[in-house]
Amino acid sequence: MNKERIRIPAAAEILGVEPRTVQALALRGELPGAAKIGGLWTFDPAALRSWIKSQERLCQEKAQRTRREKSRRNTATGVATRYGQGSRLHLGSIDSAYEQAMQKLRNAASTKNAIG
């Protein structure tokens, strides 16, 4: 069994992150196999590689859950339900609606002025 320990730069290479990220993860206790020895962070490379594999599995499981939840949102007809898309008005129809509203206001104002 290999009991070698590595320091932050080598751990950063294994994890594919910056050395400061490794240090921060170690300080928060999020990295397995991390130990501060003589004031220096050291790591078990096998534990880091195993942790990466578990993180990969978690990401894959999350993606699968997301896909399942998306498919559940589909209606019975199989058409995806729209969420948070906002108004379906196009710029042209907004301009048209604005012009119609302004015309009504102008007409109302001219009718009021003619009467009163």
PDB file of N, CA and C in Angstrom:
ATOM      1  N   MET A   1       0.848  -1.181   0.000  1.00  0.00           N
ATOM      2  CA  MET A   1       0.000   0.000   0.000  1.00  0.00           C
ATOM      3  C   MET A   1       0.890   1.239   0.000  1.00  0.00           C
ATOM      4  N   ASN A   2       0.598   2.154  -0.898  1.00  0.00           N
ATOM      5  CA  ASN A   2       1.392   3.367  -1.038  1.00  0.00           C
ATOM      6  C   ASN A   2       0.919   4.410  -0.030  1.00  0.00           C
ATOM      7  N   LYS A   3       1.826   4.876   0.794  1.00  0.00           N
ATOM      8  CA  LYS A   3       1.483   5.869   1.822  1.00  0.00           C
ATOM      9  C   LYS A   3       2.147   7.210   1.555  1.00  0.00           C
ATOM     10  N   GLU A   4       2.458   7.513   0.293  1.00  0.00           N
ATOM     11  CA  GLU A   4       3.117   8.782   0.010  1.00  0.00           C
ATOM     12  C   GLU A   4       2.162   9.942   0.239  1.00  0.00           C
ATOM     13  N   ARG A   5       2.725  11.065   0.594  1.00  0.00           N
ATOM     14  CA  ARG A   5       1.963  12.294   0.805  1.00  0.00           C
ATOM     15  C   ARG A   5       2.458  13.315  -0.210  1.00  0.00           C
ATOM     16  N   ILE A   6       1.554  14.130  -0.676  1.00  0.00           N
ATOM     17  CA  ILE A   6       1.930  15.182  -1.620  1.00  0.00           C
ATOM     18  C   ILE A   6       1.543  16.529  -1.025  1.00  0.00           C
ATOM     19  N   ARG A   7       2.124  17.579  -1.570  1.00  0.00           N
ATOM     20  CA  ARG A   7       1.834  18.928  -1.095  1.00  0.00           C
ATOM     21  C   ARG A   7       0.827  19.604  -2.016  1.00  0.00           C
ATOM     22  N   ILE A   8       0.492  20.849  -1.671  1.00  0.00           N
ATOM     23  CA  ILE A   8      -0.567  21.590  -2.370  1.00  0.00           C
ATOM     24  C   ILE A   8      -0.366  21.662  -3.889  1.00  0.00           C
ATOM     25  N   PRO A   9       0.818  22.011  -4.403  1.00  0.00           N
ATOM     26  CA  PRO A   9       0.943  22.110  -5.866  1.00  0.00           C
ATOM     27  C   PRO A   9       0.599  20.803  -6.595  1.00  0.00           C
ATOM     28  N   ALA A  10       1.056  19.676  -6.061  1.00  0.00           N
ATOM     29  CA  ALA A  10       0.758  18.386  -6.692  1.00  0.00           C
ATOM     30  C   ALA A  10      -0.724  18.045  -6.548  1.00  0.00           C
ATOM     31  N   ALA A  11      -1.309  18.384  -5.403  1.00  0.00           N
ATOM     32  CA  ALA A  11      -2.746  18.148  -5.208  1.00  0.00           C
ATOM     33  C   ALA A  11      -3.553  18.995  -6.186  1.00  0.00           C
ATOM     34  N   ALA A  12      -3.109  20.223  -6.417  1.00  0.00           N
ATOM     35  CA  ALA A  12      -3.789  21.105  -7.367  1.00  0.00           C
ATOM     36  C   ALA A  12      -3.732  20.518  -8.773  1.00  0.00           C
ATOM     37  N   GLU A  13      -2.608  19.916  -9.132  1.00  0.00           N
ATOM     38  CA  GLU A  13      -2.476  19.267 -10.442  1.00  0.00           C
ATOM     39  C   GLU A  13      -3.464  18.106 -10.569  1.00  0.00           C
ATOM     40  N   ILE A  14      -3.562  17.291  -9.542  1.00  0.00           N
ATOM     41  CA  ILE A  14      -4.485  16.146  -9.573  1.00  0.00           C
ATOM     42  C   ILE A  14      -5.922  16.624  -9.703  1.00  0.00           C
ATOM     43  N   LEU A  15      -6.270  17.654  -8.943  1.00  0.00           N
ATOM     44  CA  LEU A  15      -7.649  18.147  -8.927  1.00  0.00           C
ATOM     45  C   LEU A  15      -7.968  19.064 -10.103  1.00  0.00           C
ATOM     46  N   GLY A  16      -6.939  19.618 -10.730  1.00  0.00           N
ATOM     47  CA  GLY A  16      -7.167  20.529 -11.850  1.00  0.00           C
ATOM     48  C   GLY A  16      -7.667  21.893 -11.419  1.00  0.00           C
ATOM     49  N   VAL A  17      -7.228  22.332 -10.240  1.00  0.00           N
ATOM     50  CA  VAL A  17      -7.638  23.637  -9.720  1.00  0.00           C
ATOM     51  C   VAL A  17      -6.399  24.404  -9.273  1.00  0.00           C
ATOM     52  N   GLU A  18      -6.608  25.639  -8.887  1.00  0.00           N
ATOM     53  CA  GLU A  18      -5.515  26.478  -8.397  1.00  0.00           C
ATOM     54  C   GLU A  18      -5.091  26.029  -6.991  1.00  0.00           C
ATOM     55  N   PRO A  19      -3.822  26.226  -6.635  1.00  0.00           N
ATOM     56  CA  PRO A  19      -3.361  25.870  -5.288  1.00  0.00           C
ATOM     57  C   PRO A  19      -4.179  26.519  -4.169  1.00  0.00           C
ATOM     58  N   ARG A  20      -4.618  27.776  -4.358  1.00  0.00           N
ATOM     59  CA  ARG A  20      -5.426  28.443  -3.321  1.00  0.00           C
ATOM     60  C   ARG A  20      -6.755  27.717  -3.109  1.00  0.00           C
ATOM     61  N   THR A  21      -7.301  27.143  -4.173  1.00  0.00           N
ATOM     62  CA  THR A  21      -8.553  26.393  -4.050  1.00  0.00           C
ATOM     63  C   THR A  21      -8.325  25.140  -3.220  1.00  0.00           C
ATOM     64  N   VAL A  22      -7.209  24.471  -3.451  1.00  0.00           N
ATOM     65  CA  VAL A  22      -6.871  23.277  -2.662  1.00  0.00           C
ATOM     66  C   VAL A  22      -6.749  23.658  -1.194  1.00  0.00           C
ATOM     67  N   GLN A  23      -6.056  24.746  -0.915  1.00  0.00           N
ATOM     68  CA  GLN A  23      -5.876  25.188   0.463  1.00  0.00           C
ATOM     69  C   GLN A  23      -7.222  25.507   1.109  1.00  0.00           C
ATOM     70  N   ALA A  24      -8.087  26.200   0.380  1.00  0.00           N
ATOM     71  CA  ALA A  24      -9.399  26.567   0.927  1.00  0.00           C
ATOM     72  C   ALA A  24     -10.245  25.326   1.196  1.00  0.00           C
ATOM     73  N   LEU A  25     -10.234  24.370   0.270  1.00  0.00           N
ATOM     74  CA  LEU A  25     -10.994  23.127   0.472  1.00  0.00           C
ATOM     75  C   LEU A  25     -10.466  22.360   1.680  1.00  0.00           C
ATOM     76  N   ALA A  26      -9.143  22.339   1.828  1.00  0.00           N
ATOM     77  CA  ALA A  26      -8.541  21.640   2.967  1.00  0.00           C
ATOM     78  C   ALA A  26      -8.913  22.320   4.281  1.00  0.00           C
ATOM     79  N   LEU A  27      -8.863  23.650   4.304  1.00  0.00           N
ATOM     80  CA  LEU A  27      -9.224  24.390   5.517  1.00  0.00           C
ATOM     81  C   LEU A  27     -10.668  24.131   5.930  1.00  0.00           C
ATOM     82  N   ARG A  28     -11.553  23.978   4.941  1.00  0.00           N
ATOM     83  CA  ARG A  28     -12.969  23.711   5.236  1.00  0.00           C
ATOM     84  C   ARG A  28     -13.232  22.240   5.526  1.00  0.00           C
ATOM     85  N   GLY A  29     -12.207  21.404   5.411  1.00  0.00           N
ATOM     86  CA  GLY A  29     -12.377  19.980   5.684  1.00  0.00           C
ATOM     87  C   GLY A  29     -13.105  19.236   4.580  1.00  0.00           C
ATOM     88  N   GLU A  30     -13.068  19.770   3.365  1.00  0.00           N
ATOM     89  CA  GLU A  30     -13.802  19.161   2.258  1.00  0.00           C
ATOM     90  C   GLU A  30     -12.969  18.177   1.450  1.00  0.00           C
ATOM     91  N   LEU A  31     -11.665  18.158   1.661  1.00  0.00           N
ATOM     92  CA  LEU A  31     -10.813  17.236   0.911  1.00  0.00           C
ATOM     93  C   LEU A  31     -10.423  16.050   1.781  1.00  0.00           C
ATOM     94  N   PRO A  32     -10.720  14.852   1.327  1.00  0.00           N
ATOM     95  CA  PRO A  32     -10.301  13.677   2.089  1.00  0.00           C
ATOM     96  C   PRO A  32      -8.787  13.487   1.974  1.00  0.00           C
ATOM     97  N   GLY A  33      -8.206  12.931   2.982  1.00  0.00           N
ATOM     98  CA  GLY A  33      -6.774  12.654   2.959  1.00  0.00           C
ATOM     99  C   GLY A  33      -5.903  13.869   3.189  1.00  0.00           C
ATOM    100  N   ALA A  34      -6.498  14.979   3.629  1.00  0.00           N
ATOM    101  CA  ALA A  34      -5.726  16.196   3.892  1.00  0.00           C
ATOM    102  C   ALA A  34      -5.290  16.211   5.350  1.00  0.00           C
ATOM    103  N   ALA A  35      -4.050  16.605   5.572  1.00  0.00           N
ATOM    104  CA  ALA A  35      -3.542  16.732   6.939  1.00  0.00           C
ATOM    105  C   ALA A  35      -2.471  17.811   6.951  1.00  0.00           C
ATOM    106  N   LYS A  36      -2.482  18.602   7.997  1.00  0.00           N
ATOM    107  CA  LYS A  36      -1.462  19.634   8.145  1.00  0.00           C
ATOM    108  C   LYS A  36      -0.368  19.044   9.027  1.00  0.00           C
ATOM    109  N   ILE A  37       0.802  18.868   8.436  1.00  0.00           N
ATOM    110  CA  ILE A  37       1.925  18.248   9.139  1.00  0.00           C
ATOM    111  C   ILE A  37       3.080  19.243   9.152  1.00  0.00           C
ATOM    112  N   GLY A  38       3.514  19.616  10.345  1.00  0.00           N
ATOM    113  CA  GLY A  38       4.609  20.577  10.465  1.00  0.00           C
ATOM    114  C   GLY A  38       4.285  21.916   9.836  1.00  0.00           C
ATOM    115  N   GLY A  39       3.008  22.298   9.873  1.00  0.00           N
ATOM    116  CA  GLY A  39       2.588  23.575   9.320  1.00  0.00           C
ATOM    117  C   GLY A  39       2.354  23.552   7.814  1.00  0.00           C
ATOM    118  N   LEU A  40       2.545  22.394   7.185  1.00  0.00           N
ATOM    119  CA  LEU A  40       2.337  22.267   5.739  1.00  0.00           C
ATOM    120  C   LEU A  40       1.182  21.313   5.456  1.00  0.00           C
ATOM    121  N   TRP A  41       0.339  21.699   4.514  1.00  0.00           N
ATOM    122  CA  TRP A  41      -0.733  20.807   4.095  1.00  0.00           C
ATOM    123  C   TRP A  41      -0.141  19.684   3.256  1.00  0.00           C
ATOM    124  N   THR A  42      -0.528  18.462   3.596  1.00  0.00           N
ATOM    125  CA  THR A  42      -0.148  17.306   2.788  1.00  0.00           C
ATOM    126  C   THR A  42      -1.415  16.523   2.480  1.00  0.00           C
ATOM    127  N   PHE A  43      -1.351  15.735   1.408  1.00  0.00           N
ATOM    128  CA  PHE A  43      -2.540  15.044   0.927  1.00  0.00           C
ATOM    129  C   PHE A  43      -2.197  13.626   0.503  1.00  0.00           C
ATOM    130  N   ASP A  44      -3.167  12.751   0.634  1.00  0.00           N
ATOM    131  CA  ASP A  44      -3.062  11.381   0.143  1.00  0.00           C
ATOM    132  C   ASP A  44      -3.574  11.393  -1.301  1.00  0.00           C
ATOM    133  N   PRO A  45      -2.693  11.175  -2.286  1.00  0.00           N
ATOM    134  CA  PRO A  45      -3.126  11.274  -3.682  1.00  0.00           C
ATOM    135  C   PRO A  45      -4.215  10.259  -4.050  1.00  0.00           C
ATOM    136  N   ALA A  46      -4.168   9.075  -3.466  1.00  0.00           N
ATOM    137  CA  ALA A  46      -5.198   8.066  -3.761  1.00  0.00           C
ATOM    138  C   ALA A  46      -6.559   8.539  -3.256  1.00  0.00           C
ATOM    139  N   ALA A  47      -6.578   9.171  -2.077  1.00  0.00           N
ATOM    140  CA  ALA A  47      -7.841   9.685  -1.529  1.00  0.00           C
ATOM    141  C   ALA A  47      -8.381  10.815  -2.406  1.00  0.00           C
ATOM    142  N   LEU A  48      -7.491  11.658  -2.928  1.00  0.00           N
ATOM    143  CA  LEU A  48      -7.927  12.742  -3.816  1.00  0.00           C
ATOM    144  C   LEU A  48      -8.540  12.185  -5.098  1.00  0.00           C
ATOM    145  N   ARG A  49      -7.884  11.170  -5.684  1.00  0.00           N
ATOM    146  CA  ARG A  49      -8.407  10.571  -6.921  1.00  0.00           C
ATOM    147  C   ARG A  49      -9.756   9.893  -6.676  1.00  0.00           C
ATOM    148  N   SER A  50      -9.878   9.244  -5.551  1.00  0.00           N
ATOM    149  CA  SER A  50     -11.147   8.600  -5.194  1.00  0.00           C
ATOM    150  C   SER A  50     -12.242   9.651  -5.010  1.00  0.00           C
ATOM    151  N   TRP A  51     -11.894  10.771  -4.380  1.00  0.00           N
ATOM    152  CA  TRP A  51     -12.852  11.857  -4.167  1.00  0.00           C
ATOM    153  C   TRP A  51     -13.310  12.438  -5.498  1.00  0.00           C
ATOM    154  N   ILE A  52     -12.376  12.590  -6.446  1.00  0.00           N
ATOM    155  CA  ILE A  52     -12.741  13.094  -7.772  1.00  0.00           C
ATOM    156  C   ILE A  52     -13.764  12.162  -8.412  1.00  0.00           C
ATOM    157  N   LYS A  53     -13.536  10.855  -8.324  1.00  0.00           N
ATOM    158  CA  LYS A  53     -14.488   9.885  -8.894  1.00  0.00           C
ATOM    159  C   LYS A  53     -15.863  10.044  -8.257  1.00  0.00           C
ATOM    160  N   SER A  54     -15.913  10.245  -6.951  1.00  0.00           N
ATOM    161  CA  SER A  54     -17.216  10.403  -6.286  1.00  0.00           C
ATOM    162  C   SER A  54     -17.887  11.705  -6.718  1.00  0.00           C
ATOM    163  N   GLN A  55     -17.093  12.758  -6.934  1.00  0.00           N
ATOM    164  CA  GLN A  55     -17.649  14.021  -7.417  1.00  0.00           C
ATOM    165  C   GLN A  55     -18.204  13.865  -8.832  1.00  0.00           C
ATOM    166  N   GLU A  56     -17.516  13.087  -9.663  1.00  0.00           N
ATOM    167  CA  GLU A  56     -18.010  12.818 -11.021  1.00  0.00           C
ATOM    168  C   GLU A  56     -19.358  12.106 -10.963  1.00  0.00           C
ATOM    169  N   ARG A  57     -19.465  11.107 -10.084  1.00  0.00           N
ATOM    170  CA  ARG A  57     -20.738  10.380  -9.941  1.00  0.00           C
ATOM    171  C   ARG A  57     -21.852  11.315  -9.492  1.00  0.00           C
ATOM    172  N   LEU A  58     -21.544  12.192  -8.532  1.00  0.00           N
ATOM    173  CA  LEU A  58     -22.552  13.145  -8.062  1.00  0.00           C
ATOM    174  C   LEU A  58     -23.032  14.049  -9.190  1.00  0.00           C
ATOM    175  N   CYS A  59     -22.108  14.517 -10.016  1.00  0.00           N
ATOM    176  CA  CYS A  59     -22.483  15.380 -11.148  1.00  0.00           C
ATOM    177  C   CYS A  59     -23.362  14.627 -12.136  1.00  0.00           C
ATOM    178  N   GLN A  60     -23.021  13.375 -12.417  1.00  0.00           N
ATOM    179  CA  GLN A  60     -23.817  12.575 -13.350  1.00  0.00           C
ATOM    180  C   GLN A  60     -25.210  12.321 -12.789  1.00  0.00           C
ATOM    181  N   GLU A  61     -25.292  12.014 -11.493  1.00  0.00           N
ATOM    182  CA  GLU A  61     -26.598  11.778 -10.870  1.00  0.00           C
ATOM    183  C   GLU A  61     -27.448  13.044 -10.903  1.00  0.00           C
ATOM    184  N   LYS A  62     -26.831  14.183 -10.655  1.00  0.00           N
ATOM    185  CA  LYS A  62     -27.569  15.446 -10.688  1.00  0.00           C
ATOM    186  C   LYS A  62     -28.098  15.719 -12.091  1.00  0.00           C
ATOM    187  N   ALA A  63     -27.280  15.460 -13.106  1.00  0.00           N
ATOM    188  CA  ALA A  63     -27.714  15.667 -14.490  1.00  0.00           C
ATOM    189  C   ALA A  63     -28.883  14.742 -14.825  1.00  0.00           C
ATOM    190  N   GLN A  64     -28.833  13.501 -14.358  1.00  0.00           N
ATOM    191  CA  GLN A  64     -29.931  12.560 -14.608  1.00  0.00           C
ATOM    192  C   GLN A  64     -31.204  13.033 -13.920  1.00  0.00           C
ATOM    193  N   ARG A  65     -31.091  13.517 -12.679  1.00  0.00           N
ATOM    194  CA  ARG A  65     -32.270  14.028 -11.968  1.00  0.00           C
ATOM    195  C   ARG A  65     -32.868  15.214 -12.711  1.00  0.00           C
ATOM    196  N   THR A  66     -32.003  16.095 -13.196  1.00  0.00           N
ATOM    197  CA  THR A  66     -32.475  17.271 -13.928  1.00  0.00           C
ATOM    198  C   THR A  66     -33.224  16.853 -15.182  1.00  0.00           C
ATOM    199  N   ARG A  67     -32.689  15.877 -15.916  1.00  0.00           N
ATOM    200  CA  ARG A  67     -33.373  15.399 -17.125  1.00  0.00           C
ATOM    201  C   ARG A  67     -34.722  14.786 -16.779  1.00  0.00           C
ATOM    202  N   ARG A  68     -34.778  13.996 -15.688  1.00  0.00           N
ATOM    203  CA  ARG A  68     -36.054  13.379 -15.284  1.00  0.00           C
ATOM    204  C   ARG A  68     -37.069  14.449 -14.902  1.00  0.00           C
ATOM    205  N   GLU A  69     -36.629  15.460 -14.147  1.00  0.00           N
ATOM    206  CA  GLU A  69     -37.544  16.531 -13.740  1.00  0.00           C
ATOM    207  C   GLU A  69     -38.049  17.298 -14.950  1.00  0.00           C
ATOM    208  N   LYS A  70     -37.198  17.534 -15.932  1.00  0.00           N
ATOM    209  CA  LYS A  70     -37.618  18.222 -17.147  1.00  0.00           C
ATOM    210  C   LYS A  70     -38.665  17.409 -17.884  1.00  0.00           C
ATOM    211  N   SER A  71     -38.448  16.103 -17.964  1.00  0.00           N
ATOM    212  CA  SER A  71     -39.405  15.280 -18.700  1.00  0.00           C
ATOM    213  C   SER A  71     -40.740  15.213 -17.965  1.00  0.00           C
ATOM    214  N   ARG A  72     -40.739  15.323 -16.642  1.00  0.00           N
ATOM    215  CA  ARG A  72     -41.992  15.333 -15.875  1.00  0.00           C
ATOM    216  C   ARG A  72     -42.783  16.611 -16.106  1.00  0.00           C
ATOM    217  N   ARG A  73     -42.099  17.681 -16.469  1.00  0.00           N
ATOM    218  CA  ARG A  73     -42.780  18.950 -16.706  1.00  0.00           C
ATOM    219  C   ARG A  73     -43.516  18.978 -18.039  1.00  0.00           C
ATOM    220  N   ASN A  74     -43.254  17.999 -18.876  1.00  0.00           N
ATOM    221  CA  ASN A  74     -43.951  17.957 -20.156  1.00  0.00           C
ATOM    222  C   ASN A  74     -45.422  17.657 -19.921  1.00  0.00           C
ATOM    223  N   THR A  75     -46.252  18.187 -20.770  1.00  0.00           N
ATOM    224  CA  THR A  75     -47.688  17.948 -20.639  1.00  0.00           C
ATOM    225  C   THR A  75     -48.025  16.568 -21.167  1.00  0.00           C
ATOM    226  N   ALA A  76     -49.294  16.179 -21.004  1.00  0.00           N
ATOM    227  CA  ALA A  76     -49.736  14.864 -21.464  1.00  0.00           C
ATOM    228  C   ALA A  76     -49.593  14.724 -22.972  1.00  0.00           C
ATOM    229  N   THR A  77     -49.614  15.814 -23.692  1.00  0.00           N
ATOM    230  CA  THR A  77     -49.483  15.754 -25.151  1.00  0.00           C
ATOM    231  C   THR A  77     -48.034  15.631 -25.579  1.00  0.00           C
ATOM    232  N   GLY A  78     -47.130  15.727 -24.627  1.00  0.00           N
ATOM    233  CA  GLY A  78     -45.717  15.615 -24.953  1.00  0.00           C
ATOM    234  C   GLY A  78     -45.063  16.934 -25.301  1.00  0.00           C
ATOM    235  N   VAL A  79     -45.807  18.024 -25.197  1.00  0.00           N
ATOM    236  CA  VAL A  79     -45.255  19.343 -25.494  1.00  0.00           C
ATOM    237  C   VAL A  79     -44.705  19.931 -24.204  1.00  0.00           C
ATOM    238  N   ALA A  80     -43.516  20.426 -24.247  1.00  0.00           N
ATOM    239  CA  ALA A  80     -42.900  20.986 -23.044  1.00  0.00           C
ATOM    240  C   ALA A  80     -43.669  22.218 -22.585  1.00  0.00           C
ATOM    241  N   THR A  81     -43.856  22.325 -21.285  1.00  0.00           N
ATOM    242  CA  THR A  81     -44.523  23.479 -20.702  1.00  0.00           C
ATOM    243  C   THR A  81     -43.511  24.608 -20.584  1.00  0.00           C
ATOM    244  N   ARG A  82     -43.924  25.804 -20.895  1.00  0.00           N
ATOM    245  CA  ARG A  82     -43.028  26.957 -20.819  1.00  0.00           C
ATOM    246  C   ARG A  82     -43.046  27.526 -19.407  1.00  0.00           C
ATOM    247  N   TYR A  83     -41.876  27.811 -18.879  1.00  0.00           N
ATOM    248  CA  TYR A  83     -41.743  28.411 -17.555  1.00  0.00           C
ATOM    249  C   TYR A  83     -40.846  29.628 -17.660  1.00  0.00           C
ATOM    250  N   GLY A  84     -41.299  30.726 -17.086  1.00  0.00           N
ATOM    251  CA  GLY A  84     -40.447  31.903 -16.961  1.00  0.00           C
ATOM    252  C   GLY A  84     -40.000  32.520 -18.275  1.00  0.00           C
ATOM    253  N   GLN A  85     -40.742  32.321 -19.313  1.00  0.00           N
ATOM    254  CA  GLN A  85     -40.335  32.859 -20.603  1.00  0.00           C
ATOM    255  C   GLN A  85     -40.731  34.318 -20.771  1.00  0.00           C
ATOM    256  N   GLY A  86     -41.584  34.820 -19.904  1.00  0.00           N
ATOM    257  CA  GLY A  86     -42.016  36.204 -20.022  1.00  0.00           C
ATOM    258  C   GLY A  86     -43.057  36.344 -21.112  1.00  0.00           C
ATOM    259  N   SER A  87     -43.296  37.568 -21.508  1.00  0.00           N
ATOM    260  CA  SER A  87     -44.304  37.853 -22.518  1.00  0.00           C
ATOM    261  C   SER A  87     -43.875  37.305 -23.864  1.00  0.00           C
ATOM    262  N   ARG A  88     -44.855  36.841 -24.624  1.00  0.00           N
ATOM    263  CA  ARG A  88     -44.560  36.355 -25.963  1.00  0.00           C
ATOM    264  C   ARG A  88     -44.727  37.455 -26.998  1.00  0.00           C
ATOM    265  N   LEU A  89     -45.015  38.672 -26.552  1.00  0.00           N
ATOM    266  CA  LEU A  89     -45.164  39.779 -27.486  1.00  0.00           C
ATOM    267  C   LEU A  89     -43.835  40.055 -28.172  1.00  0.00           C
ATOM    268  N   HIS A  90     -43.910  40.311 -29.444  1.00  0.00           N
ATOM    269  CA  HIS A  90     -42.714  40.680 -30.187  1.00  0.00           C
ATOM    270  C   HIS A  90     -42.621  42.195 -30.210  1.00  0.00           C
ATOM    271  N   LEU A  91     -41.480  42.694 -30.554  1.00  0.00           N
ATOM    272  CA  LEU A  91     -41.267  44.137 -30.553  1.00  0.00           C
ATOM    273  C   LEU A  91     -42.283  44.841 -31.437  1.00  0.00           C
ATOM    274  N   GLY A  92     -42.581  44.279 -32.589  1.00  0.00           N
ATOM    275  CA  GLY A  92     -43.553  44.884 -33.493  1.00  0.00           C
ATOM    276  C   GLY A  92     -44.928  44.972 -32.867  1.00  0.00           C
ATOM    277  N   SER A  93     -45.357  43.937 -32.162  1.00  0.00           N
ATOM    278  CA  SER A  93     -46.681  43.973 -31.553  1.00  0.00           C
ATOM    279  C   SER A  93     -46.707  44.919 -30.356  1.00  0.00           C
ATOM    280  N   ILE A  94     -45.590  45.113 -29.695  1.00  0.00           N
ATOM    281  CA  ILE A  94     -45.522  46.089 -28.603  1.00  0.00           C
ATOM    282  C   ILE A  94     -45.685  47.492 -29.178  1.00  0.00           C
ATOM    283  N   ASP A  95     -44.977  47.747 -30.280  1.00  0.00           N
ATOM    284  CA  ASP A  95     -45.107  49.053 -30.942  1.00  0.00           C
ATOM    285  C   ASP A  95     -46.541  49.287 -31.387  1.00  0.00           C
ATOM    286  N   SER A  96     -47.151  48.261 -31.935  1.00  0.00           N
ATOM    287  CA  SER A  96     -48.531  48.369 -32.406  1.00  0.00           C
ATOM    288  C   SER A  96     -49.482  48.646 -31.241  1.00  0.00           C
ATOM    289  N   ALA A  97     -49.305  47.931 -30.139  1.00  0.00           N
ATOM    290  CA  ALA A  97     -50.156  48.137 -28.968  1.00  0.00           C
ATOM    291  C   ALA A  97     -49.980  49.551 -28.425  1.00  0.00           C
ATOM    292  N   TYR A  98     -48.747  50.035 -28.414  1.00  0.00           N
ATOM    293  CA  TYR A  98     -48.472  51.392 -27.946  1.00  0.00           C
ATOM    294  C   TYR A  98     -49.181  52.418 -28.831  1.00  0.00           C
ATOM    295  N   GLU A  99     -49.067  52.240 -30.139  1.00  0.00           N
ATOM    296  CA  GLU A  99     -49.712  53.168 -31.071  1.00  0.00           C
ATOM    297  C   GLU A  99     -51.229  53.165 -30.893  1.00  0.00           C
ATOM    298  N   GLN A 100     -51.818  51.982 -30.701  1.00  0.00           N
ATOM    299  CA  GLN A 100     -53.269  51.898 -30.504  1.00  0.00           C
ATOM    300  C   GLN A 100     -53.681  52.623 -29.225  1.00  0.00           C
ATOM    301  N   ALA A 101     -52.923  52.416 -28.155  1.00  0.00           N
ATOM    302  CA  ALA A 101     -53.240  53.069 -26.885  1.00  0.00           C
ATOM    303  C   ALA A 101     -53.117  54.586 -27.015  1.00  0.00           C
ATOM    304  N   MET A 102     -52.071  55.048 -27.685  1.00  0.00           N
ATOM    305  CA  MET A 102     -51.887  56.490 -27.868  1.00  0.00           C
ATOM    306  C   MET A 102     -53.010  57.080 -28.720  1.00  0.00           C
ATOM    307  N   GLN A 103     -53.426  56.356 -29.748  1.00  0.00           N
ATOM    308  CA  GLN A 103     -54.507  56.837 -30.604  1.00  0.00           C
ATOM    309  C   GLN A 103     -55.801  56.968 -29.811  1.00  0.00           C
ATOM    310  N   LYS A 104     -56.080  55.997 -28.944  1.00  0.00           N
ATOM    311  CA  LYS A 104     -57.288  56.067 -28.103  1.00  0.00           C
ATOM    312  C   LYS A 104     -57.228  57.286 -27.185  1.00  0.00           C
ATOM    313  N   LEU A 105     -56.059  57.533 -26.608  1.00  0.00           N
ATOM    314  CA  LEU A 105     -55.908  58.696 -25.733  1.00  0.00           C
ATOM    315  C   LEU A 105     -56.096  60.003 -26.508  1.00  0.00           C
ATOM    316  N   ARG A 106     -55.537  60.067 -27.704  1.00  0.00           N
ATOM    317  CA  ARG A 106     -55.697  61.272 -28.529  1.00  0.00           C
ATOM    318  C   ARG A 106     -57.164  61.487 -28.886  1.00  0.00           C
ATOM    319  N   ASN A 107     -57.830  60.397 -29.272  1.00  0.00           N
ATOM    320  CA  ASN A 107     -59.253  60.497 -29.625  1.00  0.00           C
ATOM    321  C   ASN A 107     -60.078  60.955 -28.429  1.00  0.00           C
ATOM    322  N   ALA A 108     -59.780  60.386 -27.256  1.00  0.00           N
ATOM    323  CA  ALA A 108     -60.522  60.763 -26.054  1.00  0.00           C
ATOM    324  C   ALA A 108     -60.271  62.231 -25.720  1.00  0.00           C
ATOM    325  N   ALA A 109     -59.038  62.678 -25.872  1.00  0.00           N
ATOM    326  CA  ALA A 109     -58.701  64.071 -25.576  1.00  0.00           C
ATOM    327  C   ALA A 109     -59.373  65.017 -26.562  1.00  0.00           C
ATOM    328  N   SER A 110     -59.375  64.666 -27.838  1.00  0.00           N
ATOM    329  CA  SER A 110     -60.003  65.557 -28.824  1.00  0.00           C
ATOM    330  C   SER A 110     -61.513  65.592 -28.646  1.00  0.00           C
ATOM    331  N   THR A 111     -62.132  64.470 -28.267  1.00  0.00           N
ATOM    332  CA  THR A 111     -63.570  64.442 -28.006  1.00  0.00           C
ATOM    333  C   THR A 111     -63.898  65.308 -26.798  1.00  0.00           C
ATOM    334  N   LYS A 112     -63.078  65.217 -25.758  1.00  0.00           N
ATOM    335  CA  LYS A 112     -63.291  66.000 -24.541  1.00  0.00           C
ATOM    336  C   LYS A 112     -63.139  67.493 -24.846  1.00  0.00           C
ATOM    337  N   ASN A 113     -62.141  67.854 -25.644  1.00  0.00           N
ATOM    338  CA  ASN A 113     -61.915  69.259 -26.003  1.00  0.00           C
ATOM    339  C   ASN A 113     -63.051  69.800 -26.863  1.00  0.00           C
ATOM    340  N   ALA A 114     -63.602  68.967 -27.720  1.00  0.00           N
ATOM    341  CA  ALA A 114     -64.701  69.407 -28.591  1.00  0.00           C
ATOM    342  C   ALA A 114     -65.968  69.649 -27.777  1.00  0.00           C
ATOM    343  N   ILE A 115     -66.170  68.836 -26.733  1.00  0.00           N
ATOM    344  CA  ILE A 115     -67.371  68.960 -25.901  1.00  0.00           C
ATOM    345  C   ILE A 115     -67.207  70.113 -24.918  1.00  0.00           C
ATOM    346  N   GLY A 116     -66.092  70.222 -24.358  1.00  0.00           N
ATOM    347  CA  GLY A 116     -65.985  71.059 -23.234  1.00  0.00           C
ATOM    348  C   GLY A 116     -65.244  72.273 -23.236  1.00  0.00           C
TER     349      GLY A 116
END
